Amino acid sequence: MRIIFLKIILGVFIFFTIAFIVWYSNVGSENLYYIEEADMYIKTFPERETTIIAFSDKKINKFSDTLDYIKVYKGINYGTGVLLDPNKKDLIYISGNSLIEEESHLLNYKIGKEISLRDTAYFECKKEGGYLLKAPYIEISFSLYGATEKVSLKNRENIFYTKIKPIK
């Protein structure tokens, strides 16, 4: 009886160990997005605790040192927002608390000043709550945690974000 009990305990331990390894090793998949308003491609390359967000005016296939990218922390406590000005395509504004600036790699783009929602140069607060972007800005919001990735777009006409689906 004792041997059967030990085999059951060992089997349960092995099962949970394998399940944990499978769960922990799943960092998510690479996704490519096209931002029509800015005529720009964005591709995410997830890692265990961070995600690389690459920017290009051409379709992005593989990760390489020739890409322009920023590296951000992922997790529930981190948020990343990117503001783009379609008239100044080489300038990227960052909002949120997740940028790892020393690991970012920008050749054709520059990071502008960090933006907050209270910055009236970029946002107009509405009386009913929320805010609108001022022309000509576009905001892309990244929610990254575990293997989950949600990318949303906010333009000048809408208080709410619109989820963007990856392209194939």
Protein backbone atom coordinates (compact mmCIF):
# COMPACT_ATOMS: atom_id res chain seq x y z
CA MET A 1 0.00 0.00 0.00
CA ARG A 2 2.81 2.39 0.88
CA ILE A 3 4.60 1.74 -2.46
CA ILE A 4 1.42 2.55 -4.43
CA PHE A 5 1.01 5.79 -2.46
CA LEU A 6 4.64 6.77 -3.17
CA LYS A 7 4.20 6.01 -6.89
CA ILE A 8 1.10 8.21 -7.00
CA ILE A 9 2.93 11.05 -5.21
CA LEU A 10 5.92 10.67 -7.58
CA GLY A 11 3.60 10.65 -10.62
CA VAL A 12 1.82 13.82 -9.48
CA PHE A 13 5.18 15.51 -8.81
CA ILE A 14 6.49 14.59 -12.28
CA PHE A 15 3.26 15.78 -13.91
CA PHE A 16 3.37 19.19 -12.19
CA THR A 17 7.09 19.57 -12.93
CA ILE A 18 6.53 18.96 -16.64
CA ALA A 19 3.48 21.28 -16.68
CA PHE A 20 5.52 24.04 -14.99
CA ILE A 21 8.38 23.68 -17.49
CA VAL A 22 5.98 23.85 -20.45
CA TRP A 23 4.18 26.88 -18.98
CA TYR A 24 7.42 28.71 -18.07
CA SER A 25 9.03 28.13 -21.46
CA ASN A 26 6.12 29.66 -23.40
CA VAL A 27 7.12 33.32 -23.89
CA GLY A 28 4.65 34.04 -26.69
CA SER A 29 5.09 34.37 -30.43
CA GLU A 30 6.42 37.06 -32.75
CA ASN A 31 3.70 39.27 -34.20
CA LEU A 32 3.77 41.75 -37.07
CA TYR A 33 1.42 44.76 -37.14
CA TYR A 34 0.83 47.38 -39.81
CA ILE A 35 -0.10 50.84 -38.56
CA GLU A 36 -1.87 52.36 -41.56
CA GLU A 37 -2.17 55.86 -40.06
CA ALA A 38 1.62 56.08 -39.75
CA ASP A 39 2.50 53.86 -42.74
CA MET A 40 4.70 51.80 -40.42
CA TYR A 41 5.29 48.16 -39.53
CA ILE A 42 5.82 47.11 -35.93
CA LYS A 43 6.97 43.63 -34.94
CA THR A 44 7.20 42.23 -31.45
CA PHE A 45 9.85 39.70 -30.42
CA PRO A 46 8.90 38.35 -26.96
CA GLU A 47 11.44 37.07 -24.46
CA ARG A 48 11.02 35.73 -20.92
CA GLU A 49 10.83 39.08 -19.05
CA THR A 50 11.06 41.59 -21.89
CA THR A 51 9.77 42.22 -25.40
CA ILE A 52 11.60 43.81 -28.29
CA ILE A 53 9.41 46.16 -30.35
CA ALA A 54 10.87 46.81 -33.81
CA PHE A 55 9.84 49.68 -36.11
CA SER A 56 10.24 49.93 -39.88
CA ASP A 57 8.69 51.44 -42.98
CA LYS A 58 9.17 48.03 -44.65
CA LYS A 59 7.80 44.63 -43.68
CA ILE A 60 9.91 43.06 -40.90
CA ASN A 61 10.81 39.39 -41.21
CA LYS A 62 13.67 38.34 -38.94
CA PHE A 63 15.34 40.00 -36.02
CA SER A 64 18.71 41.55 -36.90
CA ASP A 65 21.07 44.33 -35.83
CA THR A 66 19.88 46.43 -38.77
CA LEU A 67 16.44 46.85 -37.16
CA ASP A 68 15.35 49.85 -35.15
CA TYR A 69 13.90 48.61 -31.87
CA ILE A 70 13.18 49.38 -28.27
CA LYS A 71 13.24 46.86 -25.46
CA VAL A 72 10.54 46.98 -22.79
CA TYR A 73 9.75 45.06 -19.64
CA LYS A 74 6.61 42.99 -19.69
CA GLY A 75 4.30 42.29 -16.80
CA ILE A 76 1.11 43.50 -15.18
CA ASN A 77 2.96 46.37 -13.45
CA TYR A 78 4.37 47.73 -16.72
CA GLY A 79 2.72 49.60 -19.53
CA THR A 80 4.12 50.81 -22.81
CA GLY A 81 2.67 53.47 -25.03
CA VAL A 82 4.19 54.73 -28.26
CA LEU A 83 3.13 58.04 -29.77
CA LEU A 84 3.80 58.57 -33.45
CA ASP A 85 3.60 61.71 -35.51
CA PRO A 86 2.90 60.73 -39.16
CA ASN A 87 4.59 63.97 -40.24
CA LYS A 88 7.81 63.15 -38.36
CA LYS A 89 8.19 59.44 -38.96
CA ASP A 90 11.69 59.26 -37.49
CA LEU A 91 10.55 60.38 -34.00
CA ILE A 92 9.01 58.00 -31.47
CA TYR A 93 7.56 59.24 -28.18
CA ILE A 94 7.31 56.77 -25.29
CA SER A 95 4.85 56.78 -22.41
CA GLY A 96 4.71 54.30 -19.58
CA ASN A 97 7.27 52.83 -17.23
CA SER A 98 8.72 49.88 -19.12
CA LEU A 99 11.39 51.22 -21.49
CA ILE A 100 14.90 49.78 -21.11
CA GLU A 101 16.67 52.66 -22.82
CA GLU A 102 20.21 51.25 -22.62
CA GLU A 103 19.11 48.14 -24.55
CA SER A 104 17.26 50.02 -27.28
CA HIS A 105 18.79 50.11 -30.75
CA LEU A 106 17.73 52.98 -32.98
CA LEU A 107 19.43 53.78 -36.28
CA ASN A 108 16.73 55.54 -38.33
CA TYR A 109 14.49 56.65 -35.47
CA LYS A 110 14.96 58.81 -32.38
CA ILE A 111 13.18 58.67 -29.04
CA GLY A 112 11.52 61.97 -28.19
CA LYS A 113 10.81 63.14 -24.68
CA GLU A 114 8.83 60.86 -22.39
CA ILE A 115 5.12 61.67 -22.54
CA SER A 116 2.50 61.58 -19.78
CA LEU A 117 -1.28 61.72 -20.16
CA ARG A 118 -1.26 65.13 -18.50
CA ASP A 119 0.91 66.61 -21.23
CA THR A 120 -1.40 69.12 -22.90
CA ALA A 121 0.91 69.43 -25.91
CA TYR A 122 -0.21 65.93 -26.99
CA PHE A 123 -3.50 65.24 -25.18
CA GLU A 124 -6.79 67.01 -24.59
CA CYS A 125 -8.63 65.91 -21.44
CA LYS A 126 -12.38 65.46 -21.82
CA LYS A 127 -14.85 66.56 -19.12
CA GLU A 128 -16.57 63.14 -19.13
CA GLY A 129 -13.23 61.43 -18.52
CA GLY A 130 -10.65 60.06 -20.85
CA TYR A 131 -8.59 62.04 -23.27
CA LEU A 132 -8.21 62.69 -26.97
CA LEU A 133 -4.96 62.90 -28.84
CA LYS A 134 -4.23 66.19 -30.49
CA ALA A 135 -3.57 66.20 -34.23
CA PRO A 136 -1.55 64.65 -35.80
CA TYR A 137 -0.55 62.07 -33.13
CA ILE A 138 -1.38 58.35 -32.99
CA GLU A 139 -0.91 56.24 -29.86
CA ILE A 140 -0.13 52.53 -29.80
CA SER A 141 -0.57 50.78 -26.47
CA PHE A 142 1.20 47.50 -25.66
CA SER A 143 -0.06 45.22 -22.87
CA LEU A 144 2.55 42.51 -22.48
CA TYR A 145 2.56 39.87 -19.75
CA GLY A 146 3.53 36.21 -19.82
CA ALA A 147 2.76 34.85 -23.29
CA THR A 148 -0.10 37.35 -23.71
CA GLU A 149 0.20 40.32 -26.03
CA LYS A 150 -2.46 42.95 -26.69
CA VAL A 151 -1.73 45.85 -29.03
CA SER A 152 -4.23 48.70 -29.33
CA LEU A 153 -4.44 51.87 -31.37
CA LYS A 154 -5.88 55.23 -30.36
CA ASN A 155 -6.36 57.95 -32.92
CA ARG A 156 -7.58 61.53 -32.74
CA GLU A 157 -11.28 60.74 -33.17
CA ASN A 158 -11.76 58.27 -30.33
CA ILE A 159 -11.41 58.28 -26.55
CA PHE A 160 -11.19 54.47 -26.58
CA TYR A 161 -8.50 52.13 -27.88
CA THR A 162 -9.08 49.79 -30.83
CA LYS A 163 -7.38 46.40 -30.68
CA ILE A 164 -5.04 45.72 -33.60
CA LYS A 165 -4.75 42.21 -35.02
CA PRO A 166 -1.40 40.90 -36.24
CA ILE A 167 -0.93 40.42 -39.96
CA LYS A 168 0.39 37.20 -41.39
